[in-house]
Amino acid sequence: MKKTFVLDTNVLLHDPQALFSFEDNDLVIPMTVIEELDRFKKELSETGRNARQFSRIIDGLRTKAKLIEGVELETGGHLRVDLYTEEHMKGLPPELRTDQGDNRILAVALDVKSRANSPVIFVTKDINLRIKADVLGLTAEDYESDKVSLDELYSGTAEVHLSRDDIDIFYDQGFLPIEEEFLSNQCLTLIDTDNPTHTALARYNRPMRQAVALLRAPKDGLWGIHPRNREQQFAFDMLLNDDVQLVTLVGKAGTGKTLLAIAAGLHKSADEGQYSRLLVSRPIFPLGRDIGYLPGDIDEKLSPWMQPIFDNVELLLGSVEEGSKRKRGYKELVDLGLLEIEPLTYIRGRSIPKQYMIVDEAQNLTPHEIKTIITRAGEGTKIVLTGDPYQIDNPYIDSSSNGLIYVVDKFKGEDIACHVTLDKGERSPLAELAANLL
């Protein structure tokens, strides 16, 4: 049986292509939604761009038929725009009979339900509005076309139980054929079946169907940083591997995601010269918000947003031994063109070739914003996305619908991508305890 979905404004601001995600079911958009979208269209943010894109889509549909009567979608369903009248408000309880956009949308949804012969579902990303709808007897759902359950998220690691002889052979030759199949670049822990303490770390080479040894960091570490646990060793391998062009690091606060990425980026650009420079960026939340509200020049405006990155760079510079040829000041690295720290605000339209690009706090980006960033990568560019899906500041996404988790799910198994989840905090015993208890 076909269903009828009534869409809220925030669904279309989140995904302007949402009209084509409901298969052959019918869609209803209250006129109030069109009015609310109109208020966003002049914004320079991603929300404004989505509002303008949806307006173009529905403008194209109206040329095929009258929207108030219904227009056929390419998915087989029908879309119509419903008008709000004072009669609709009578269907609401007295406390909701106020001239607010949410209440008008609820009133239209209730009217659609009263006239429909099929199930009616109200779709909104507003939690409180879903609660109101449920109290009014409406079936309310979140828009979940791009959601990925954290419980089912690809961890990037696996364990393989082998004989002691096989593990010894792996240590001797640096690779070992594996009968069991894994995803490309999946990080493996080879475990001796007779002695579980006898292990080896490897990465799965899917074309060759074998486990290969991890790349080793220099003896003195990367800018003084050494891996402290198994997951950090996996992370070092993928961060140093030039064949892996997209790296995703997910983990709670203090697991070393950003520090490891910056250390590897400085090593590959400043030491080896494999990349022309290290570009470190993070969203000024929300993406696209004007930084001009803060006083001072561009550096002073960016300082509050970029301070976590400054802290990591200063830590790395302080970790390098005195007298080392790599002992440089932060400003000198910037002046030499080896390091650039900037917001993501103006990345649209750019092409970024041969750079080691780190995007910190990527969990605050939408899937569309992440796509915009990755498609900026030019020839020879490596992109590293880091973030904690449990620390979301963006009200339009959550731990299951953010861009970082979306990329992990879509790119798993690709030969040029690699992922690892960092579990153990290494910042300090206090930080680790707080991350687990609070």
Protein backbone atom coordinates (compact mmCIF):
# COMPACT_ATOMS: atom_id res chain seq x y z
CA MET A 1 0.00 0.00 0.00
CA LYS A 2 1.22 3.46 -0.88
CA LYS A 3 1.95 5.90 1.91
CA THR A 4 1.68 9.67 2.11
CA PHE A 5 4.62 11.58 3.60
CA VAL A 6 4.25 15.16 4.84
CA LEU A 7 7.65 16.86 4.85
CA ASP A 8 8.86 19.48 7.30
CA THR A 9 11.14 22.40 6.35
CA ASN A 10 14.27 21.04 8.02
CA VAL A 11 14.15 17.87 5.91
CA LEU A 12 14.51 19.90 2.71
CA LEU A 13 17.15 22.16 4.25
CA HIS A 14 19.11 19.04 5.18
CA ASP A 15 18.67 17.32 1.80
CA PRO A 16 17.16 19.27 -1.11
CA GLN A 17 16.96 15.99 -3.05
CA ALA A 18 14.74 14.42 -0.38
CA LEU A 19 11.76 14.44 -2.76
CA PHE A 20 13.33 11.56 -4.64
CA SER A 21 14.07 9.40 -1.57
CA PHE A 22 10.54 8.11 -0.90
CA GLU A 23 10.21 5.67 -3.83
CA ASP A 24 6.72 5.65 -5.37
CA ASN A 25 4.91 7.08 -2.34
CA ASP A 26 3.02 10.38 -2.33
CA LEU A 27 4.48 13.56 -0.83
CA VAL A 28 2.78 16.62 0.62
CA ILE A 29 4.58 19.91 1.32
CA PRO A 30 2.61 22.49 3.34
CA MET A 31 2.75 26.01 1.90
CA THR A 32 4.24 27.13 5.23
CA VAL A 33 7.33 25.08 4.37
CA ILE A 34 7.74 27.00 1.11
CA GLU A 35 7.48 30.27 3.06
CA GLU A 36 10.10 29.16 5.60
CA LEU A 37 12.48 28.02 2.86
CA ASP A 38 12.17 31.45 1.27
CA ARG A 39 13.65 33.02 4.43
CA PHE A 40 16.79 30.91 4.09
CA LYS A 41 17.50 31.37 0.39
CA LYS A 42 19.73 34.46 0.79
CA GLU A 43 22.06 32.86 3.33
CA LEU A 44 25.60 32.08 2.16
CA SER A 45 25.76 28.98 4.34
CA GLU A 46 25.12 25.39 3.25
CA THR A 47 21.56 25.80 4.53
CA GLY A 48 21.02 28.71 2.15
CA ARG A 49 22.45 26.76 -0.77
CA ASN A 50 20.15 23.84 -0.01
CA ALA A 51 17.14 26.16 0.13
CA ARG A 52 18.01 27.62 -3.26
CA GLN A 53 18.58 24.19 -4.76
CA PHE A 54 15.21 22.92 -3.57
CA SER A 55 13.53 26.03 -4.99
CA ARG A 56 15.05 25.26 -8.39
CA ILE A 57 13.89 21.65 -8.18
CA ILE A 58 10.29 22.50 -7.34
CA ASP A 59 10.26 25.32 -9.90
CA GLY A 60 11.13 22.74 -12.54
CA LEU A 61 8.35 20.43 -11.32
CA ARG A 62 5.69 23.14 -11.48
CA THR A 63 6.20 23.41 -15.27
CA LYS A 64 4.88 19.85 -15.60
CA ALA A 65 1.62 20.30 -13.67
CA LYS A 66 -0.06 22.47 -11.05
CA LEU A 67 1.59 21.85 -7.69
CA ILE A 68 -1.66 22.24 -5.78
CA GLU A 69 -3.20 19.44 -7.85
CA GLY A 70 -0.14 17.21 -7.80
CA VAL A 71 2.79 16.53 -10.08
CA GLU A 72 4.27 13.14 -10.90
CA LEU A 73 7.83 12.47 -9.72
CA GLU A 74 10.40 10.40 -11.57
CA THR A 75 10.26 7.86 -8.72
CA GLY A 76 6.60 7.11 -9.53
CA GLY A 77 5.10 9.03 -6.63
CA HIS A 78 3.19 12.32 -6.64
CA LEU A 79 3.99 15.63 -5.00
CA ARG A 80 1.54 18.35 -4.08
CA VAL A 81 1.66 21.56 -2.09
CA ASP A 82 -1.19 22.00 0.42
CA LEU A 83 -2.48 25.41 1.50
CA TYR A 84 -3.11 26.30 5.13
CA THR A 85 -6.49 27.72 6.17
CA GLU A 86 -8.04 28.80 9.47
CA GLU A 87 -10.18 25.67 9.38
CA HIS A 88 -7.04 23.56 9.73
CA MET A 89 -6.22 25.24 13.04
CA LYS A 90 -9.46 23.96 14.57
CA GLY A 91 -8.01 20.46 14.47
CA LEU A 92 -5.32 21.43 16.97
CA PRO A 93 -5.74 21.55 20.76
CA PRO A 94 -6.13 25.11 22.22
CA GLU A 95 -2.49 25.35 23.41
CA LEU A 96 -1.24 24.84 19.84
CA ARG A 97 -3.61 27.29 18.14
CA THR A 98 -0.95 29.94 17.72
CA ASP A 99 0.26 31.42 14.47
CA GLN A 100 3.58 29.61 14.39
CA GLY A 101 5.10 27.78 11.46
CA ASP A 102 5.39 24.45 13.25
CA ASN A 103 1.75 24.55 14.35
CA ARG A 104 0.52 25.40 10.85
CA ILE A 105 2.52 22.50 9.43
CA LEU A 106 1.05 20.14 12.06
CA ALA A 107 -2.44 21.39 11.24
CA VAL A 108 -1.95 20.62 7.54
CA ALA A 109 -0.56 17.17 8.36
CA LEU A 110 -3.61 16.38 10.51
CA ASP A 111 -5.90 17.51 7.70
CA VAL A 112 -4.06 15.29 5.22
CA LYS A 113 -4.49 12.35 7.59
CA SER A 114 -8.24 13.01 7.98
CA ARG A 115 -8.74 12.86 4.21
CA ALA A 116 -6.29 10.09 3.28
CA ASN A 117 -7.15 6.47 2.58
CA SER A 118 -3.57 5.35 3.15
CA PRO A 119 -1.10 5.71 6.02
CA VAL A 120 0.16 9.28 6.57
CA ILE A 121 3.62 9.85 8.01
CA PHE A 122 4.98 13.20 9.15
CA VAL A 123 8.73 13.48 8.49
CA THR A 124 10.80 16.00 10.45
CA LYS A 125 14.29 16.25 11.93
CA ASP A 126 12.92 18.35 14.81
CA ILE A 127 12.71 16.09 17.87
CA ASN A 128 10.18 18.27 19.73
CA LEU A 129 7.98 18.49 16.67
CA ARG A 130 7.98 14.69 16.40
CA ILE A 131 6.84 14.57 20.03
CA LYS A 132 4.01 17.02 19.35
CA ALA A 133 2.96 15.06 16.28
CA ASP A 134 2.89 11.81 18.23
CA VAL A 135 0.69 13.36 20.94
CA LEU A 136 -1.71 14.52 18.21
CA GLY A 137 -1.98 10.99 16.83
CA LEU A 138 0.30 11.46 13.83
CA THR A 139 2.91 8.91 12.89
CA ALA A 140 6.16 10.88 13.03
CA GLU A 141 9.58 9.82 11.78
CA ASP A 142 13.04 11.26 11.36
CA TYR A 143 14.52 11.61 7.88
CA GLU A 144 16.98 8.72 7.83
CA SER A 145 17.99 8.20 4.20
CA ASP A 146 21.63 8.95 5.04
CA LYS A 147 21.80 7.58 8.59
CA VAL A 148 24.37 5.00 9.63
CA SER A 149 23.94 3.18 12.94
CA LEU A 150 26.98 3.66 15.18
CA ASP A 151 26.45 0.13 16.51
CA GLU A 152 26.95 -1.19 12.97
CA LEU A 153 29.67 1.25 11.92
CA TYR A 154 32.69 -0.30 10.22
CA SER A 155 35.56 -0.30 12.72
CA GLY A 156 38.29 -0.82 10.14
CA THR A 157 39.90 -3.64 12.16
CA ALA A 158 39.60 -7.41 12.47
CA GLU A 159 41.37 -10.36 14.10
CA VAL A 160 42.79 -13.42 12.33
CA HIS A 161 43.78 -16.58 14.21
CA LEU A 162 46.75 -18.38 12.66
CA SER A 163 49.38 -20.95 13.58
CA ARG A 164 52.64 -19.86 15.15
CA ASP A 165 54.50 -20.89 11.99
CA ASP A 166 52.33 -18.62 9.85
CA ILE A 167 52.98 -15.64 12.08
CA ASP A 168 56.71 -16.37 12.06
CA ILE A 169 56.62 -16.51 8.24
CA PHE A 170 54.82 -13.17 8.22
CA TYR A 171 57.55 -11.62 10.37
CA ASP A 172 60.26 -13.04 8.11
CA GLN A 173 58.92 -12.00 4.71
CA GLY A 174 56.61 -9.07 5.59
CA PHE A 175 53.51 -10.56 3.99
CA LEU A 176 51.33 -13.65 4.23
CA PRO A 177 48.55 -15.03 1.97
CA ILE A 178 45.21 -15.10 3.80
CA GLU A 179 42.37 -17.45 2.83
CA GLU A 180 39.70 -15.44 4.62
CA GLU A 181 38.59 -12.35 2.70
CA PHE A 182 38.52 -8.87 4.24
CA LEU A 183 37.81 -5.38 2.99
CA SER A 184 40.58 -3.52 1.20
CA ASN A 185 43.05 -1.88 3.61
CA GLN A 186 41.34 -3.41 6.63
CA CYS A 187 43.68 -3.44 9.63
CA LEU A 188 44.37 -6.96 10.93
CA THR A 189 45.68 -8.39 14.18
CA LEU A 190 47.25 -11.79 13.52
CA ILE A 191 46.93 -13.94 16.66
CA ASP A 192 48.70 -17.21 17.46
CA THR A 193 46.00 -19.81 18.18
CA ASP A 194 48.22 -21.53 20.76
CA ASN A 195 49.68 -18.40 22.35
CA PRO A 196 47.36 -15.36 22.19
CA THR A 197 50.19 -13.06 23.35
CA HIS A 198 52.12 -13.87 20.14
CA THR A 199 50.63 -11.42 17.63
CA ALA A 200 51.45 -9.33 14.59
CA LEU A 201 49.84 -6.25 13.06
CA ALA A 202 49.08 -6.09 9.35
CA ARG A 203 46.96 -4.45 6.67
CA TYR A 204 44.92 -6.47 4.17
CA ASN A 205 45.91 -6.15 0.50
CA ARG A 206 42.75 -7.15 -1.33
CA PRO A 207 44.18 -7.46 -4.89
CA MET A 208 46.93 -9.77 -3.61
CA ARG A 209 44.67 -11.39 -0.98
CA GLN A 210 47.40 -11.19 1.62
CA ALA A 211 48.30 -9.51 4.89
CA VAL A 212 51.16 -7.03 4.52
CA ALA A 213 53.34 -5.50 7.21
CA LEU A 214 52.56 -2.00 8.43
CA LEU A 215 54.71 0.94 7.41
CA ARG A 216 57.09 1.85 10.19
CA ALA A 217 57.55 5.34 11.56
CA PRO A 218 61.16 6.58 11.95
CA LYS A 219 62.96 5.46 15.12
CA ASP A 220 62.68 8.94 16.60
CA GLY A 221 58.99 9.02 15.72
CA LEU A 222 57.09 11.51 13.64
CA TRP A 223 58.07 14.91 15.00
CA GLY A 224 58.71 13.24 18.33
CA ILE A 225 55.39 11.33 18.38
CA HIS A 226 55.32 7.52 18.76
CA PRO A 227 52.23 5.26 18.56
CA ARG A 228 51.15 4.13 22.02
CA ASN A 229 48.63 1.43 21.18
CA ARG A 230 47.54 -0.92 18.40
CA GLU A 231 45.00 1.43 16.83
CA GLN A 232 47.52 4.27 16.74
CA GLN A 233 49.96 1.97 14.91
CA PHE A 234 47.25 1.23 12.36
CA ALA A 235 46.61 4.97 12.05
CA PHE A 236 50.31 5.72 11.46
CA ASP A 237 50.40 3.14 8.67
CA MET A 238 47.51 4.62 6.72
CA LEU A 239 48.60 8.21 7.36
CA LEU A 240 52.04 7.46 5.90
CA ASN A 241 50.82 5.33 2.98
CA ASP A 242 50.79 7.44 -0.21
CA ASP A 243 48.53 4.91 -1.97
CA VAL A 244 45.74 5.67 0.52
CA GLN A 245 44.21 8.99 -0.53
CA LEU A 246 41.36 9.16 2.01
CA VAL A 247 41.82 8.39 5.70
CA THR A 248 39.08 8.54 8.33
CA LEU A 249 39.90 8.49 12.04
CA VAL A 250 37.02 8.20 14.49
CA GLY A 251 37.42 8.24 18.25
CA LYS A 252 36.53 9.92 21.50
CA ALA A 253 38.40 12.90 22.91
CA GLY A 254 42.04 12.26 23.75
CA THR A 255 42.65 9.26 21.48
CA GLY A 256 45.21 11.20 19.43
CA LYS A 257 43.31 11.57 16.15
CA THR A 258 44.33 15.13 15.33
CA LEU A 259 47.84 14.92 16.80
CA LEU A 260 48.72 11.79 14.81
CA ALA A 261 47.33 13.27 11.60
CA ILE A 262 49.26 16.55 11.98
CA ALA A 263 52.50 14.73 12.87
CA ALA A 264 52.19 12.50 9.78
CA GLY A 265 51.26 15.48 7.61
CA LEU A 266 54.31 17.47 8.73
CA HIS A 267 56.54 14.45 8.13
CA LYS A 268 55.21 13.85 4.60
CA SER A 269 55.29 17.51 3.57
CA ALA A 270 58.08 19.21 5.54
CA ASP A 271 60.48 16.24 5.84
CA GLU A 272 59.88 14.06 2.79
CA GLY A 273 58.47 16.69 0.43
CA GLN A 274 55.86 14.22 -0.86
CA TYR A 275 53.22 16.95 -0.61
CA SER A 276 53.65 20.66 -1.30
CA ARG A 277 52.24 21.63 2.10
CA LEU A 278 50.11 20.57 5.04
CA LEU A 279 46.65 22.16 5.04
CA VAL A 280 44.77 21.87 8.33
CA SER A 281 41.17 23.02 8.57
CA ARG A 282 38.10 22.69 10.69
CA PRO A 283 34.54 23.94 10.36
CA ILE A 284 33.69 27.31 11.87
CA PHE A 285 30.35 26.11 13.05
CA PRO A 286 28.09 26.22 11.27
CA LEU A 287 29.94 25.80 8.00
CA GLY A 288 29.90 29.11 6.17
CA ARG A 289 29.20 31.40 9.15
CA ASP A 290 30.88 34.75 8.61
CA ILE A 291 33.99 35.17 10.79
CA GLY A 292 33.76 38.95 10.46
CA TYR A 293 31.79 39.27 13.70
CA LEU A 294 35.02 38.82 15.66
CA PRO A 295 37.33 41.84 16.04
CA GLY A 296 40.77 42.17 14.47
CA ASP A 297 42.43 40.99 11.27
CA ILE A 298 41.96 37.56 9.70
CA ASP A 299 44.47 35.85 12.02
CA GLU A 300 42.83 37.29 15.12
CA LYS A 301 39.38 36.29 13.87
CA LEU A 302 40.50 32.71 13.27
CA SER A 303 42.42 32.28 16.49
CA PRO A 304 39.49 31.19 18.76
CA TRP A 305 38.35 28.61 16.20
CA MET A 306 41.78 27.28 15.28
CA GLN A 307 43.36 27.24 18.75
CA PRO A 308 43.04 23.43 19.13
CA ILE A 309 45.10 23.03 15.96
CA PHE A 310 47.66 25.60 17.16
CA ASP A 311 47.96 23.61 20.41
CA ASN A 312 48.73 20.38 18.55
CA VAL A 313 51.31 22.03 16.29
CA GLU A 314 53.03 23.67 19.25
CA LEU A 315 53.10 20.33 21.07
CA LEU A 316 54.78 18.70 18.07
CA LEU A 317 57.31 21.50 17.72
CA GLY A 318 58.14 21.19 21.41
CA SER A 319 58.57 17.42 21.08
CA VAL A 320 61.40 17.72 18.53
CA GLU A 321 64.87 17.58 20.04
CA GLU A 322 66.85 20.78 20.24
CA GLY A 323 69.31 21.08 17.35
CA SER A 324 67.24 18.91 15.03
CA LYS A 325 66.97 20.19 11.49
CA ARG A 326 63.19 19.94 11.90
CA LYS A 327 63.14 22.28 14.88
CA ARG A 328 61.21 25.19 13.41
CA GLY A 329 58.82 27.70 14.77
CA TYR A 330 55.17 27.62 13.81
CA LYS A 331 55.42 30.96 12.03
CA GLU A 332 58.44 29.80 10.05
CA LEU A 333 56.54 26.77 8.77
CA VAL A 334 53.75 29.08 7.64
CA ASP A 335 56.16 31.57 6.05
CA LEU A 336 57.90 28.76 4.15
CA GLY A 337 54.55 27.64 2.76
CA LEU A 338 54.82 24.21 4.42
CA LEU A 339 51.84 24.73 6.72
CA GLU A 340 48.50 26.47 6.27
CA ILE A 341 45.67 26.60 8.78
CA GLU A 342 42.34 27.94 7.57
CA PRO A 343 38.58 27.54 8.04
CA LEU A 344 36.38 25.58 5.67
CA THR A 345 34.22 28.62 4.99
CA TYR A 346 35.55 29.41 1.54
CA ILE A 347 36.52 25.97 0.23
CA ARG A 348 33.71 25.75 -2.34
CA GLY A 349 35.04 26.22 -5.86
CA ARG A 350 38.68 25.60 -4.92
CA SER A 351 40.97 22.94 -6.37
CA ILE A 352 43.58 21.60 -3.94
CA PRO A 353 46.39 19.67 -5.70
CA LYS A 354 49.34 17.81 -4.09
CA GLN A 355 48.51 18.73 -0.51
CA TYR A 356 48.15 16.81 2.72
CA MET A 357 44.75 18.04 3.91
CA ILE A 358 43.40 17.40 7.41
CA VAL A 359 39.79 18.23 8.26
CA ASP A 360 39.36 18.23 12.04
CA GLU A 361 35.96 17.99 13.81
CA ALA A 362 34.47 16.49 10.65
CA GLN A 363 31.53 15.13 12.66
CA ASN A 364 29.99 18.62 12.53
CA LEU A 365 29.65 18.47 8.74
CA THR A 366 26.69 17.17 6.78
CA PRO A 367 27.15 14.47 4.11
CA HIS A 368 26.75 17.11 1.42
CA GLU A 369 29.40 19.34 3.00
CA ILE A 370 31.80 16.40 3.23
CA LYS A 371 31.20 15.69 -0.46
CA THR A 372 31.98 19.32 -1.26
CA ILE A 373 35.31 19.03 0.58
CA ILE A 374 36.44 15.70 -0.86
CA THR A 375 35.60 16.75 -4.42
CA ARG A 376 38.05 19.66 -4.01
CA ALA A 377 40.97 17.20 -3.93
CA GLY A 378 43.27 17.64 -6.91
CA GLU A 379 45.93 15.31 -8.29
CA GLY A 380 48.22 13.93 -5.59
CA THR A 381 46.18 15.22 -2.62
CA LYS A 382 45.56 13.14 0.50
CA ILE A 383 42.59 13.93 2.74
CA VAL A 384 42.36 12.95 6.42
CA LEU A 385 39.02 13.33 8.24
CA THR A 386 39.02 13.17 12.04
CA GLY A 387 36.22 13.50 14.56
CA ASP A 388 34.13 12.17 17.41
CA PRO A 389 30.53 11.35 16.42
CA TYR A 390 29.41 11.76 20.02
CA GLN A 391 30.41 15.44 20.10
CA ILE A 392 27.99 17.03 17.64
CA ASP A 393 27.46 20.80 17.72
CA ASN A 394 25.40 21.03 14.53
CA PRO A 395 21.64 20.97 15.34
CA TYR A 396 20.77 19.62 11.87
CA ILE A 397 22.69 16.34 12.25
CA ASP A 398 23.32 13.73 14.92
CA SER A 399 25.75 10.91 15.68
CA SER A 400 24.22 8.75 12.95
CA SER A 401 23.68 11.28 10.16
CA ASN A 402 26.86 13.36 10.18
CA GLY A 403 29.21 13.50 7.21
CA LEU A 404 32.13 11.72 8.89
CA ILE A 405 30.12 8.58 9.64
CA TYR A 406 28.57 8.77 6.17
CA VAL A 407 32.02 8.74 4.52
CA VAL A 408 33.23 5.83 6.67
CA ASP A 409 30.26 3.76 5.54
CA LYS A 410 30.38 4.71 1.85
CA PHE A 411 34.16 4.33 1.38
CA LYS A 412 34.71 1.11 3.32
CA GLY A 413 36.41 -1.45 1.12
CA GLU A 414 37.67 1.07 -1.45
CA ASP A 415 41.30 0.52 -2.45
CA ILE A 416 42.26 4.19 -1.99
CA ALA A 417 40.54 4.61 1.39
CA CYS A 418 41.21 3.36 4.90
CA HIS A 419 39.53 3.72 8.29
CA VAL A 420 40.28 2.96 11.92
CA THR A 421 38.38 3.60 15.13
CA LEU A 422 40.56 4.75 18.03
CA ASP A 423 39.27 3.55 21.39
CA LYS A 424 41.96 4.17 24.00
CA GLY A 425 42.54 7.69 25.26
CA GLU A 426 46.20 8.74 25.54
CA ARG A 427 45.89 12.43 26.46
CA SER A 428 46.05 11.83 30.21
CA PRO A 429 44.54 9.46 32.81
CA LEU A 430 42.15 12.26 33.84
CA ALA A 431 40.98 12.90 30.27
CA GLU A 432 40.49 9.16 29.67
CA LEU A 433 38.46 8.75 32.86
CA ALA A 434 36.32 11.79 32.03
CA ALA A 435 35.64 10.51 28.50
CA ASN A 436 34.42 7.19 29.94
CA LEU A 437 32.47 8.44 32.96
CA LEU A 438 30.95 11.77 31.97
